[in-house]
Amino acid sequence: MEQQAVQLDRETFSCSICLDLLKDPVTTSCGHSYCMNCITKFWDECEKKENYHCPQCSTTFTQKPDLQKNTMLAALLEQLKKTGLQAAPADHSYAGPEDVACDSCTGRKLKAIKSCLFCLASFCEKLLQPHFDSVAFKKHKLLEPSKNLQENICSKHDEVMKMFCLTDQKCICYLCSVDEHKGHETVSAAAERAERQRELEERRGNIQQRIQDQEKDVKLLQQEVEAINRSADKTVEDSEKIFTQLIRLLQKRSSEVKQTIRSQQETEVSRVKDVQEKLEQEITELERKDAELEQLSHTEDHNQFLLNYPSLPALSESTHSSSINIRPLRHFEDVTAAVSELRDKLQDVLRDSWTNISLMVTGADVLLSQPEPEPKSRAGFLRYSCEITLDPNTANTWLRLSEGNRKVTVMDHYLSYSSHPDRFTGYFQVLSRESLTGRCYWEVKWRGEPVSVAVAYNSISRVGSGNECAFGYNDKSWALHCYQSNSNFWQNNSSTSISGPVSSRVGVYLDHTAGILSFYSVSETMTLLHRVQTRFTEPLLAGVSLAESAEFCKLK
């Protein structure tokens, strides 16, 4: 029993906004209590709608109440905390500030589990049950809890908007269709949703297919990266081995030349020393004979001189001096010259070979395959033809779309299009529905100058008359500005003049992957007006800016 009382106290003294024990409690005039911080934040949100009300009983106040701290309740809470009262456990069945509350609950609101498009109300689990049990609710449409149900009510007639105006591209009620939208093309909102759901699924299918294709491309590119790395690593390893062998061969030849020179040096030195030794022996013998002759020359006895003189041997000729041929020693200088010649030849070979090796390395097929060449004839371009339709949500309000949204015409009066963030407000411009990637070709037939045939990123600005919105005057668009006698190409506010006449039919070729954008004058032949080579970072949209009319042609 005591435990039940404590539990009751916890629920009684909890803030219905934060579901915790009251902090700095305040009490509204309707008798409900909240944390000062919680109710202040809640009414700050209400201030935007000028609708101050109690979160529990929905009592409304004409102005934001000025609340004071409930000192008695604060003292009681302090006393209860001392007796062991703890924070109330969060009850996740009650609606918090971020939840959708049940519209039929009285008192503290429970969380809604479904919203009904027919009732335009949200229901908790208990109060939703009649929608499942009663035949009367069988046709009601249930969806996940939504805070935006009131947006389905026509602000003018207070009726559910169950119709869609194709002319103005907006949801309307039945009374709108016979009032300000009288004569407009209208369908049921359900039918338009079904059609757009079909388009959405088709787009999703295209996107998913493109994702699959690009995932395959990513996988192929990863395999290409691995193949490049394997090939490069093996080539580096093989090249190092070959150059090592070449270095070893040169070192071996250097050693052989050195050994040959040293051997020849030893032979030559030995031969010269042998001759030198013999000559030194002859010199010794000659010096001995010279000494004898000198002694004889000093003999004072004439008879004795004459007696000994004939016994002196005649001087023989040198056996070695005549064989000595003194010449400049150029034996090894010739070798140096020969080695120098070899070095020069090797340098020439290495230079020529290095040029070939560099060309092979830089020209190696390690990059993605080159893009297909641009077609040379109109028949070739038509292989890449794509059907372009214009997006009504991007059209300036002075432009009328027709011919299945392929033709655009400048009107002499303002059209009551619905407000849309994609709409150009300052320039007579319109973009395509289709995003363009890969290779695409289309043709635009125009009348009334000037006209700008353009491509742009979807991120181009739409509101105002600044350069950031005009085709060709920013870095998000490329445009050919056509006149009868000449044309100009504009990109990022930079112009290129193009001489010569321009036909009333302009062809545009796009290779998004290769970054190629070409404009042609189309008549009996195709004349290239301008080609751009760049890098596109986003998908592109086709577009026109005009003075009179332009039509995206159906190509066969």
Protein backbone atom coordinates (compact mmCIF):
# COMPACT_ATOMS: atom_id res chain seq x y z
CA MET A 1 0.00 0.00 0.00
CA GLU A 2 2.86 2.32 0.93
CA GLN A 3 4.58 1.47 -2.38
CA GLN A 4 1.39 2.44 -4.29
CA ALA A 5 1.32 5.77 -2.49
CA VAL A 6 4.91 6.50 -3.41
CA GLN A 7 4.17 5.59 -7.03
CA LEU A 8 1.17 7.91 -6.99
CA ASP A 9 3.36 10.70 -5.66
CA ARG A 10 5.86 10.17 -8.46
CA GLU A 11 3.17 10.53 -11.13
CA THR A 12 1.54 13.45 -9.37
CA PHE A 13 4.74 15.47 -9.04
CA SER A 14 6.19 14.76 -12.51
CA CYS A 15 6.32 17.28 -15.37
CA SER A 16 4.20 16.04 -18.29
CA ILE A 17 6.69 17.58 -20.75
CA CYS A 18 10.03 16.12 -19.59
CA LEU A 19 8.42 13.25 -17.58
CA ASP A 20 10.87 13.93 -14.73
CA LEU A 21 10.28 15.32 -11.24
CA LEU A 22 9.25 18.97 -11.32
CA LYS A 23 12.12 21.45 -11.17
CA ASP A 24 11.29 25.08 -10.24
CA PRO A 25 7.57 24.19 -10.47
CA VAL A 26 5.07 26.70 -11.86
CA THR A 27 1.29 26.31 -12.13
CA THR A 28 -0.93 27.60 -14.95
CA SER A 29 -4.33 29.19 -14.38
CA CYS A 30 -5.93 25.91 -15.53
CA GLY A 31 -4.28 24.13 -12.60
CA HIS A 32 -1.52 22.11 -14.32
CA SER A 33 2.08 22.25 -13.14
CA TYR A 34 5.31 22.14 -15.16
CA CYS A 35 9.01 22.76 -14.82
CA MET A 36 9.65 26.46 -15.40
CA ASN A 37 12.22 25.67 -18.14
CA CYS A 38 9.97 23.11 -19.90
CA ILE A 39 6.86 25.30 -20.16
CA THR A 40 8.95 28.35 -21.14
CA LYS A 41 10.48 26.45 -24.08
CA PHE A 42 7.04 25.07 -25.02
CA TRP A 43 5.49 28.55 -25.15
CA ASP A 44 8.49 29.91 -27.05
CA GLU A 45 7.48 27.51 -29.81
CA CYS A 46 3.83 28.58 -29.47
CA GLU A 47 4.90 32.20 -29.84
CA LYS A 48 5.66 31.59 -33.53
CA LYS A 49 2.01 30.59 -34.06
CA GLU A 50 0.61 33.10 -31.53
CA ASN A 51 -1.26 30.19 -29.92
CA TYR A 52 -0.50 29.80 -26.21
CA HIS A 53 -2.15 26.76 -24.66
CA CYS A 54 -1.75 24.19 -21.91
CA PRO A 55 0.03 21.02 -23.17
CA GLN A 56 -2.27 18.83 -21.07
CA CYS A 57 -5.80 20.22 -21.37
CA SER A 58 -5.27 22.53 -24.37
CA THR A 59 -6.73 25.54 -22.52
CA THR A 60 -5.77 28.57 -24.64
CA PHE A 61 -4.52 31.94 -23.42
CA THR A 62 -4.86 35.26 -25.22
CA GLN A 63 -1.29 36.16 -24.34
CA LYS A 64 1.75 34.43 -22.99
CA PRO A 65 1.12 33.87 -19.23
CA ASP A 66 3.59 35.37 -16.79
CA LEU A 67 4.26 32.46 -14.42
CA GLN A 68 5.85 32.59 -10.99
CA LYS A 69 7.49 29.79 -9.07
CA ASN A 70 5.01 27.75 -6.97
CA THR A 71 6.90 27.97 -3.67
CA MET A 72 4.50 25.65 -1.79
CA LEU A 73 4.83 22.93 -4.43
CA ALA A 74 8.60 23.42 -4.55
CA ALA A 75 8.85 23.00 -0.76
CA LEU A 76 6.67 19.90 -0.88
CA LEU A 77 8.84 18.39 -3.60
CA GLU A 78 11.97 19.09 -1.57
CA GLN A 79 10.42 17.34 1.41
CA LEU A 80 9.35 14.37 -0.70
CA LYS A 81 12.86 14.01 -2.12
CA LYS A 82 14.20 13.71 1.44
CA THR A 83 11.75 10.84 2.09
CA GLY A 84 13.10 8.88 -0.88
CA LEU A 85 10.97 10.06 -3.82
CA GLN A 86 12.92 9.59 -7.06
CA ALA A 87 12.42 10.73 -10.62
CA ALA A 88 9.34 9.34 -12.25
CA PRO A 89 10.12 6.53 -14.69
CA ALA A 90 9.52 7.66 -18.23
CA ASP A 91 6.21 6.43 -19.55
CA HIS A 92 6.80 6.00 -23.23
CA SER A 93 3.07 5.78 -23.98
CA TYR A 94 2.58 9.48 -23.27
CA ALA A 95 3.31 12.00 -26.03
CA GLY A 96 6.39 14.13 -25.57
CA PRO A 97 7.24 17.43 -27.30
CA GLU A 98 8.66 15.62 -30.33
CA ASP A 99 5.83 13.09 -30.63
CA VAL A 100 2.50 13.27 -32.48
CA ALA A 101 -0.21 13.37 -29.80
CA CYS A 102 -3.57 11.65 -30.02
CA ASP A 103 -6.19 14.23 -30.98
CA SER A 104 -8.99 12.38 -29.17
CA CYS A 105 -7.34 11.88 -25.77
CA THR A 106 -8.57 14.02 -22.90
CA GLY A 107 -6.21 15.17 -20.18
CA ARG A 108 -2.65 14.01 -20.69
CA LYS A 109 -2.21 13.01 -24.35
CA LEU A 110 -0.99 9.58 -25.42
CA LYS A 111 1.25 9.02 -28.40
CA ALA A 112 -0.55 8.58 -31.71
CA ILE A 113 0.27 5.41 -33.62
CA LYS A 114 -1.59 6.34 -36.83
CA SER A 115 -3.03 9.39 -38.58
CA CYS A 116 -6.20 9.24 -40.68
CA LEU A 117 -6.36 11.22 -43.93
CA PHE A 118 -10.16 11.06 -43.92
CA CYS A 119 -10.65 12.16 -40.29
CA LEU A 120 -7.64 14.51 -40.51
CA ALA A 121 -6.78 13.42 -36.96
CA SER A 122 -4.22 11.23 -35.20
CA PHE A 123 -5.16 8.41 -32.79
CA CYS A 124 -3.53 6.44 -30.00
CA GLU A 125 -3.70 2.65 -30.05
CA LYS A 126 -6.92 2.47 -28.01
CA LEU A 127 -8.88 5.15 -29.85
CA LEU A 128 -7.71 3.89 -33.27
CA GLN A 129 -9.38 0.50 -32.77
CA PRO A 130 -12.79 1.59 -34.24
CA HIS A 131 -11.01 2.14 -37.57
CA PHE A 132 -10.31 -1.59 -37.63
CA ASP A 133 -13.57 -2.83 -36.07
CA SER A 134 -16.25 -0.66 -37.73
CA VAL A 135 -17.32 -0.89 -41.38
CA ALA A 136 -17.93 2.87 -41.32
CA PHE A 137 -14.15 3.46 -41.21
CA LYS A 138 -13.30 0.85 -43.85
CA LYS A 139 -12.47 3.42 -46.58
CA HIS A 140 -10.42 5.65 -44.28
CA LYS A 141 -6.74 5.95 -45.24
CA LEU A 142 -4.32 5.39 -42.36
CA LEU A 143 -0.68 6.41 -42.40
CA GLU A 144 2.21 6.88 -40.01
CA PRO A 145 1.62 9.64 -37.38
CA SER A 146 1.92 13.07 -39.01
CA LYS A 147 1.94 16.59 -37.60
CA ASN A 148 1.12 18.05 -41.03
CA LEU A 149 -2.45 16.82 -41.50
CA GLN A 150 -3.83 20.35 -41.55
CA GLU A 151 -1.85 21.04 -44.68
CA ASN A 152 -4.38 18.82 -46.48
CA ILE A 153 -7.13 21.38 -45.76
CA CYS A 154 -7.79 24.15 -48.29
CA SER A 155 -7.09 27.43 -46.50
CA LYS A 156 -9.78 29.19 -48.57
CA HIS A 157 -12.68 26.73 -48.44
CA ASP A 158 -11.77 24.68 -45.37
CA GLU A 159 -12.25 21.51 -47.42
CA VAL A 160 -9.97 18.48 -47.85
CA MET A 161 -7.81 18.91 -50.95
CA LYS A 162 -8.53 15.75 -52.92
CA MET A 163 -7.81 17.12 -56.40
CA PHE A 164 -4.69 18.22 -58.28
CA CYS A 165 -4.51 21.06 -60.81
CA LEU A 166 -2.18 20.04 -63.65
CA THR A 167 -2.20 23.57 -65.03
CA ASP A 168 -0.90 25.17 -61.83
CA GLN A 169 0.78 22.05 -60.44
CA LYS A 170 -0.84 22.28 -56.99
CA CYS A 171 -3.30 20.42 -54.76
CA ILE A 172 -6.81 21.91 -54.58
CA CYS A 173 -10.21 21.08 -53.14
CA TYR A 174 -13.40 20.45 -55.14
CA LEU A 175 -14.63 24.02 -54.64
CA CYS A 176 -11.30 25.36 -56.02
CA SER A 177 -11.88 23.36 -59.22
CA VAL A 178 -15.12 25.25 -59.90
CA ASP A 179 -13.80 28.56 -58.60
CA GLU A 180 -10.38 30.08 -59.40
CA HIS A 181 -9.21 26.87 -61.14
CA LYS A 182 -12.25 26.63 -63.38
CA GLY A 183 -11.28 25.52 -66.88
CA HIS A 184 -7.94 24.15 -65.71
CA GLU A 185 -6.93 20.57 -66.33
CA THR A 186 -7.54 18.72 -63.07
CA VAL A 187 -7.36 15.13 -61.86
CA SER A 188 -7.83 13.46 -58.51
CA ALA A 189 -4.89 13.76 -56.14
CA ALA A 190 -4.85 9.97 -55.93
CA ALA A 191 -4.55 9.63 -59.73
CA GLU A 192 -1.77 12.20 -59.90
CA ARG A 193 -0.02 10.50 -57.00
CA ALA A 194 -0.29 7.17 -58.82
CA GLU A 195 1.19 8.71 -61.98
CA ARG A 196 4.00 10.39 -60.10
CA GLN A 197 4.51 7.25 -58.05
CA ARG A 198 4.96 5.41 -61.34
CA GLU A 199 7.45 8.06 -62.49
CA LEU A 200 9.17 7.90 -59.11
CA GLU A 201 9.51 4.12 -59.34
CA GLU A 202 10.80 4.45 -62.88
CA ARG A 203 13.35 7.03 -61.74
CA ARG A 204 14.31 4.85 -58.81
CA GLY A 205 14.70 1.93 -61.19
CA ASN A 206 16.95 4.03 -63.41
CA ILE A 207 18.93 5.24 -60.40
CA GLN A 208 19.29 1.73 -59.01
CA GLN A 209 20.34 0.43 -62.42
CA ARG A 210 22.87 3.23 -62.67
CA ILE A 211 24.08 2.42 -59.15
CA GLN A 212 24.54 -1.22 -60.18
CA ASP A 213 26.36 -0.20 -63.36
CA GLN A 214 28.60 2.22 -61.50
CA GLU A 215 29.27 -0.32 -58.75
CA LYS A 216 30.43 -2.68 -61.50
CA ASP A 217 32.59 0.13 -62.89
CA VAL A 218 33.99 0.80 -59.41
CA LYS A 219 34.81 -2.90 -59.06
CA LEU A 220 36.46 -2.91 -62.48
CA LEU A 221 38.42 0.21 -61.55
CA GLN A 222 39.53 -1.43 -58.30
CA GLN A 223 40.68 -4.46 -60.27
CA GLU A 224 42.46 -2.08 -62.65
CA VAL A 225 44.20 -0.40 -59.69
CA GLU A 226 45.33 -3.79 -58.39
CA ALA A 227 46.53 -4.80 -61.87
CA ILE A 228 48.41 -1.49 -62.24
CA ASN A 229 50.09 -1.98 -58.88
CA ARG A 230 51.03 -5.59 -59.63
CA SER A 231 52.41 -4.68 -63.07
CA ALA A 232 54.33 -1.67 -61.75
CA ASP A 233 55.83 -3.63 -58.82
CA LYS A 234 56.93 -6.50 -61.08
CA THR A 235 58.38 -4.11 -63.67
CA VAL A 236 60.34 -2.23 -60.98
CA GLU A 237 61.66 -5.53 -59.62
CA ASP A 238 62.62 -6.81 -63.10
CA SER A 239 64.18 -3.47 -64.06
CA GLU A 240 66.28 -3.43 -60.90
CA LYS A 241 67.53 -6.95 -61.70
CA ILE A 242 68.40 -5.98 -65.28
CA PHE A 243 70.18 -2.79 -64.22
CA THR A 244 72.03 -4.76 -61.53
CA GLN A 245 73.16 -7.24 -64.19
CA LEU A 246 74.21 -4.35 -66.42
CA ILE A 247 76.16 -2.75 -63.57
CA ARG A 248 77.84 -6.08 -62.80
CA LEU A 249 78.75 -6.51 -66.48
CA LEU A 250 80.33 -3.04 -66.56
CA GLN A 251 82.17 -3.77 -63.32
CA LYS A 252 83.45 -7.05 -64.80
CA ARG A 253 84.64 -5.32 -67.98
CA SER A 254 86.27 -2.60 -65.87
CA SER A 255 88.07 -5.26 -63.84
CA GLU A 256 89.23 -7.07 -67.01
CA VAL A 257 90.56 -3.84 -68.52
CA LYS A 258 92.36 -3.07 -65.28
CA GLN A 259 93.84 -6.58 -65.11
CA THR A 260 94.98 -6.46 -68.76
CA ILE A 261 96.60 -3.06 -68.28
CA ARG A 262 98.42 -4.25 -65.14
CA SER A 263 99.62 -7.42 -66.88
CA GLN A 264 100.89 -5.48 -69.87
CA GLN A 265 102.44 -2.94 -67.52
CA GLU A 266 104.37 -5.75 -65.77
CA THR A 267 105.56 -7.26 -69.07
CA GLU A 268 106.71 -3.94 -70.46
CA VAL A 269 108.47 -2.91 -67.25
CA SER A 270 110.26 -6.31 -67.04
CA ARG A 271 111.47 -6.04 -70.63
CA VAL A 272 112.73 -2.50 -70.12
CA LYS A 273 114.48 -3.42 -66.85
CA ASP A 274 116.21 -6.35 -68.55
CA VAL A 275 117.65 -4.09 -71.21
CA GLN A 276 118.53 -1.55 -68.55
CA GLU A 277 120.44 -4.18 -66.53
CA LYS A 278 122.49 -5.30 -69.52
CA LEU A 279 123.30 -1.72 -70.41
CA GLU A 280 124.45 -1.11 -66.86
CA GLN A 281 126.76 -4.19 -67.14
CA GLU A 282 128.24 -2.80 -70.36
CA ILE A 283 128.77 0.54 -68.68
CA THR A 284 130.66 -1.20 -65.86
CA GLU A 285 132.88 -3.02 -68.36
CA LEU A 286 133.49 0.16 -70.32
CA GLU A 287 134.38 2.05 -67.14
CA ARG A 288 136.92 -0.71 -66.30
CA LYS A 289 138.52 -0.43 -69.75
CA ASP A 290 138.50 3.34 -69.48
CA ALA A 291 140.40 3.01 -66.20
CA GLU A 292 143.03 0.77 -67.82
CA LEU A 293 143.46 3.21 -70.67
CA GLU A 294 143.72 6.08 -68.25
CA GLN A 295 146.44 4.19 -66.33
CA LEU A 296 148.32 3.44 -69.55
CA SER A 297 148.05 7.08 -70.55
CA HIS A 298 149.98 8.03 -67.43
CA THR A 299 152.93 5.60 -68.18
CA GLU A 300 156.14 7.69 -68.47
CA ASP A 301 158.23 4.92 -70.00
CA HIS A 302 157.67 5.23 -73.71
CA ASN A 303 158.86 1.73 -74.45
CA GLN A 304 156.62 0.27 -71.84
CA PHE A 305 153.60 2.32 -73.23
CA LEU A 306 154.22 1.09 -76.75
CA LEU A 307 154.71 -2.49 -75.56
CA ASN A 308 151.35 -2.63 -73.72
CA TYR A 309 149.19 -0.54 -76.12
CA PRO A 310 148.67 -3.24 -78.83
CA SER A 311 147.44 -5.70 -76.20
CA LEU A 312 144.35 -3.53 -75.50
CA PRO A 313 141.19 -5.03 -77.10
CA ALA A 314 139.28 -3.03 -79.62
CA LEU A 315 136.05 -1.35 -78.39
CA SER A 316 133.10 -3.47 -79.46
CA GLU A 317 129.72 -1.95 -80.37
CA SER A 318 126.83 -2.00 -77.84
CA THR A 319 124.52 -4.95 -78.31
CA HIS A 320 121.51 -3.18 -76.77
CA SER A 321 121.65 0.53 -77.45
CA SER A 322 120.73 0.08 -81.08
CA SER A 323 117.50 -1.80 -80.08
CA ILE A 324 116.27 0.99 -77.88
CA ASN A 325 113.78 3.16 -79.72
CA ILE A 326 112.87 6.08 -77.53
CA ARG A 327 109.26 7.16 -78.37
CA PRO A 328 106.40 8.82 -76.51
CA LEU A 329 104.78 6.27 -74.17
CA ARG A 330 101.19 6.16 -75.52
CA HIS A 331 100.38 2.52 -74.93
CA PHE A 332 97.81 3.11 -72.20
CA GLU A 333 96.56 6.49 -73.43
CA ASP A 334 95.17 4.63 -76.41
CA VAL A 335 93.33 2.36 -73.99
CA THR A 336 91.91 5.44 -72.23
CA ALA A 337 90.71 6.77 -75.54
CA ALA A 338 89.11 3.43 -76.36
CA VAL A 339 87.34 3.34 -72.97
CA SER A 340 86.19 6.93 -73.46
CA GLU A 341 84.79 6.00 -76.84
CA LEU A 342 82.96 3.07 -75.25
CA ARG A 343 81.56 5.44 -72.60
CA ASP A 344 80.28 7.84 -75.26
CA LYS A 345 78.65 4.99 -77.17
CA LEU A 346 77.00 3.68 -74.01
CA GLN A 347 75.72 7.16 -73.20
CA ASP A 348 74.19 7.40 -76.68
CA VAL A 349 72.63 3.96 -76.32
CA LEU A 350 71.31 4.74 -72.83
CA ARG A 351 69.93 8.09 -73.96
CA ASP A 352 68.10 6.54 -76.92
CA SER A 353 66.95 3.59 -74.85
CA TRP A 354 65.80 5.87 -72.02
CA THR A 355 63.69 7.88 -74.45
CA ASN A 356 62.00 4.66 -75.60
CA ILE A 357 61.58 3.44 -72.01
CA SER A 358 60.03 6.78 -70.94
CA LEU A 359 57.61 6.68 -73.85
CA MET A 360 56.66 3.13 -72.95
CA VAL A 361 56.11 4.06 -69.28
CA THR A 362 54.06 7.20 -69.95
CA GLY A 363 52.18 5.51 -72.79
CA ALA A 364 51.52 2.32 -70.86
CA ASP A 365 47.87 1.29 -70.89
CA VAL A 366 47.35 1.83 -67.18
CA LEU A 367 44.61 4.46 -67.47
CA LEU A 368 40.95 4.15 -68.36
CA SER A 369 40.17 3.55 -71.97
CA GLN A 370 40.00 6.69 -74.07
CA PRO A 371 36.53 8.06 -74.88
CA GLU A 372 34.94 7.26 -78.16
CA PRO A 373 35.68 9.86 -80.82
CA GLU A 374 33.01 12.46 -81.47
CA PRO A 375 30.72 11.45 -84.35
CA LYS A 376 31.44 12.95 -87.77
CA SER A 377 27.90 12.93 -89.20
CA ARG A 378 24.39 13.70 -88.00
CA ALA A 379 23.55 10.00 -88.31
CA GLY A 380 26.39 9.30 -85.91
CA PHE A 381 25.10 11.89 -83.43
CA LEU A 382 21.58 10.49 -83.64
CA ARG A 383 22.89 7.24 -82.14
CA TYR A 384 23.10 9.17 -78.86
CA SER A 385 19.83 11.12 -79.22
CA CYS A 386 17.80 11.55 -76.05
CA GLU A 387 14.30 12.92 -75.55
CA ILE A 388 14.30 16.14 -73.53
CA THR A 389 11.20 17.33 -71.67
CA LEU A 390 11.05 20.57 -69.71
CA ASP A 391 10.32 20.77 -65.99
CA PRO A 392 7.33 23.09 -65.33
CA ASN A 393 8.61 23.72 -61.80
CA THR A 394 11.68 25.49 -63.23
CA ALA A 395 9.90 27.64 -65.84
CA ASN A 396 9.73 31.41 -65.32
CA THR A 397 6.15 32.55 -64.78
CA TRP A 398 6.13 34.33 -68.19
CA LEU A 399 6.86 31.07 -70.01
CA ARG A 400 4.23 28.61 -71.26
CA LEU A 401 5.10 24.97 -71.91
CA SER A 402 3.37 22.95 -74.60
CA GLU A 403 3.87 20.00 -77.00
CA GLY A 404 4.27 17.60 -74.10
CA ASN A 405 6.56 20.06 -72.29
CA ARG A 406 9.02 20.08 -75.20
CA LYS A 407 8.18 23.60 -76.41
CA VAL A 408 8.45 26.85 -74.45
CA THR A 409 6.98 30.20 -75.47
CA VAL A 410 7.30 33.68 -73.96
CA MET A 411 3.82 35.04 -73.13
CA ASP A 412 2.64 38.66 -72.97
CA HIS A 413 1.15 38.12 -69.52
CA TYR A 414 2.09 36.57 -66.22
CA LEU A 415 1.01 32.94 -65.66
CA SER A 416 -0.27 31.90 -62.23
CA TYR A 417 2.20 29.11 -61.55
CA SER A 418 2.51 27.84 -58.01
CA SER A 419 5.47 28.95 -55.94
CA HIS A 420 8.35 26.49 -56.23
CA PRO A 421 11.98 26.72 -55.06
CA ASP A 422 13.24 25.43 -58.45
CA ARG A 423 11.54 28.21 -60.47
CA PHE A 424 13.62 30.92 -62.20
CA THR A 425 12.24 34.25 -61.07
CA GLY A 426 14.43 36.82 -62.82
CA TYR A 427 15.21 35.31 -66.25
CA PHE A 428 13.07 33.71 -68.98
CA GLN A 429 14.74 30.35 -68.42
CA VAL A 430 13.68 26.72 -68.01
CA LEU A 431 15.52 23.44 -67.38
CA SER A 432 14.87 19.84 -68.36
CA ARG A 433 13.46 17.15 -66.13
CA GLU A 434 16.11 14.67 -67.27
CA SER A 435 19.56 14.57 -65.74
CA LEU A 436 22.22 14.06 -68.40
CA THR A 437 25.24 11.81 -67.97
CA GLY A 438 27.19 9.63 -70.38
CA ARG A 439 26.86 10.53 -74.09
CA CYS A 440 23.77 12.50 -75.15
CA TYR A 441 22.66 14.45 -78.23
CA TRP A 442 19.65 16.74 -78.69
CA GLU A 443 18.51 19.54 -80.97
CA VAL A 444 16.76 22.83 -80.23
CA LYS A 445 14.69 24.71 -82.83
CA TRP A 446 14.40 28.40 -81.94
CA ARG A 447 12.68 31.58 -83.11
CA GLY A 448 13.24 35.18 -82.09
CA GLU A 449 16.67 36.34 -81.05
CA PRO A 450 18.48 36.06 -78.82
CA VAL A 451 18.17 32.52 -77.50
CA SER A 452 20.59 30.70 -75.22
CA VAL A 453 20.97 26.94 -75.66
CA ALA A 454 22.52 25.77 -72.42
CA VAL A 455 23.43 23.05 -69.97
CA ALA A 456 23.59 23.64 -66.22
CA TYR A 457 24.04 21.90 -62.90
CA ASN A 458 20.88 21.45 -60.85
CA SER A 459 22.58 23.53 -58.12
CA ILE A 460 22.40 26.73 -60.23
CA SER A 461 20.66 29.57 -58.34
CA ARG A 462 17.06 30.32 -59.34
CA VAL A 463 15.90 33.43 -57.45
CA GLY A 464 16.74 36.93 -58.66
CA SER A 465 18.46 38.59 -61.62
CA GLY A 466 22.11 38.17 -60.64
CA ASN A 467 24.82 36.45 -62.67
CA GLU A 468 24.52 33.41 -60.42
CA CYS A 469 21.15 32.64 -62.07
CA ALA A 470 21.85 33.47 -65.76
CA PHE A 471 22.97 30.70 -68.14
CA GLY A 472 26.65 31.15 -69.00
CA TYR A 473 27.42 33.85 -66.45
CA ASN A 474 28.56 31.55 -63.62
CA ASP A 475 30.59 28.39 -63.04
CA LYS A 476 27.48 26.19 -62.94
CA SER A 477 26.33 26.61 -66.56
CA TRP A 478 27.52 26.70 -70.19
CA ALA A 479 25.53 28.53 -72.87
CA LEU A 480 25.57 29.29 -76.61
CA HIS A 481 23.89 32.70 -77.15
CA CYS A 482 22.47 32.62 -80.69
CA TYR A 483 21.64 35.45 -83.10
CA GLN A 484 20.82 35.25 -86.79
CA SER A 485 24.21 36.53 -87.92
CA ASN A 486 26.57 35.24 -85.23
CA SER A 487 26.79 33.67 -81.79
CA ASN A 488 28.75 33.80 -78.54
CA PHE A 489 29.72 31.10 -76.11
CA TRP A 490 29.52 32.05 -72.42
CA GLN A 491 30.85 30.30 -69.34
CA ASN A 492 31.66 31.76 -65.92
CA ASN A 493 30.91 35.27 -67.24
CA SER A 494 33.55 34.91 -69.98
CA SER A 495 32.60 35.20 -73.66
CA THR A 496 34.02 33.64 -76.86
CA SER A 497 32.84 35.18 -80.15
CA ILE A 498 31.80 32.80 -82.93
CA SER A 499 31.62 34.24 -86.45
CA GLY A 500 29.24 33.14 -89.16
CA PRO A 501 25.49 32.60 -89.28
CA VAL A 502 23.66 30.20 -86.99
CA SER A 503 20.76 28.14 -88.29
CA SER A 504 17.47 28.08 -86.42
CA ARG A 505 18.29 24.53 -85.34
CA VAL A 506 21.16 23.94 -82.90
CA GLY A 507 22.53 20.50 -82.05
CA VAL A 508 24.18 19.80 -78.69
CA TYR A 509 26.51 16.84 -78.08
CA LEU A 510 27.55 15.95 -74.53
CA ASP A 511 30.06 13.34 -73.41
CA HIS A 512 29.79 13.84 -69.67
CA THR A 513 32.49 11.31 -68.74
CA ALA A 514 35.04 12.73 -71.18
CA GLY A 515 34.07 16.33 -70.31
CA ILE A 516 33.18 17.25 -73.92
CA LEU A 517 30.38 19.69 -74.81
CA SER A 518 29.88 20.65 -78.49
CA PHE A 519 27.40 22.96 -80.23
CA TYR A 520 26.51 22.55 -83.91
CA SER A 521 24.55 24.56 -86.42
CA VAL A 522 22.22 22.01 -88.04
CA SER A 523 20.93 22.47 -91.58
CA GLU A 524 21.65 20.23 -94.57
CA THR A 525 25.05 19.73 -92.98
CA MET A 526 26.35 20.09 -89.44
CA THR A 527 28.76 22.93 -88.69
CA LEU A 528 30.70 22.94 -85.44
CA LEU A 529 30.19 26.25 -83.64
CA HIS A 530 32.09 25.64 -80.42
CA ARG A 531 33.56 22.77 -78.41
CA VAL A 532 34.40 22.73 -74.70
CA GLN A 533 36.80 20.34 -72.98
CA THR A 534 36.37 20.45 -69.20
CA ARG A 535 35.57 18.27 -66.18
CA PHE A 536 31.94 17.98 -65.12
CA THR A 537 31.47 17.35 -61.39
CA GLU A 538 27.68 16.92 -61.35
CA PRO A 539 24.98 15.59 -63.69
CA LEU A 540 23.77 18.24 -66.15
CA LEU A 541 20.35 19.52 -67.16
CA ALA A 542 19.50 20.88 -70.61
CA GLY A 543 18.07 24.39 -70.65
CA VAL A 544 17.08 27.40 -72.75
CA SER A 545 16.80 31.12 -72.18
CA LEU A 546 14.68 32.82 -74.83
CA ALA A 547 13.00 35.89 -76.21
CA GLU A 548 10.20 34.25 -78.23
CA SER A 549 10.06 30.43 -78.46
CA ALA A 550 12.19 27.29 -78.49
CA GLU A 551 11.42 23.61 -78.94
CA PHE A 552 13.38 20.48 -78.09
CA CYS A 553 13.00 18.41 -81.25
CA LYS A 554 11.85 14.82 -81.48
CA LEU A 555 14.72 12.97 -83.13
CA LYS A 556 14.29 9.79 -85.14
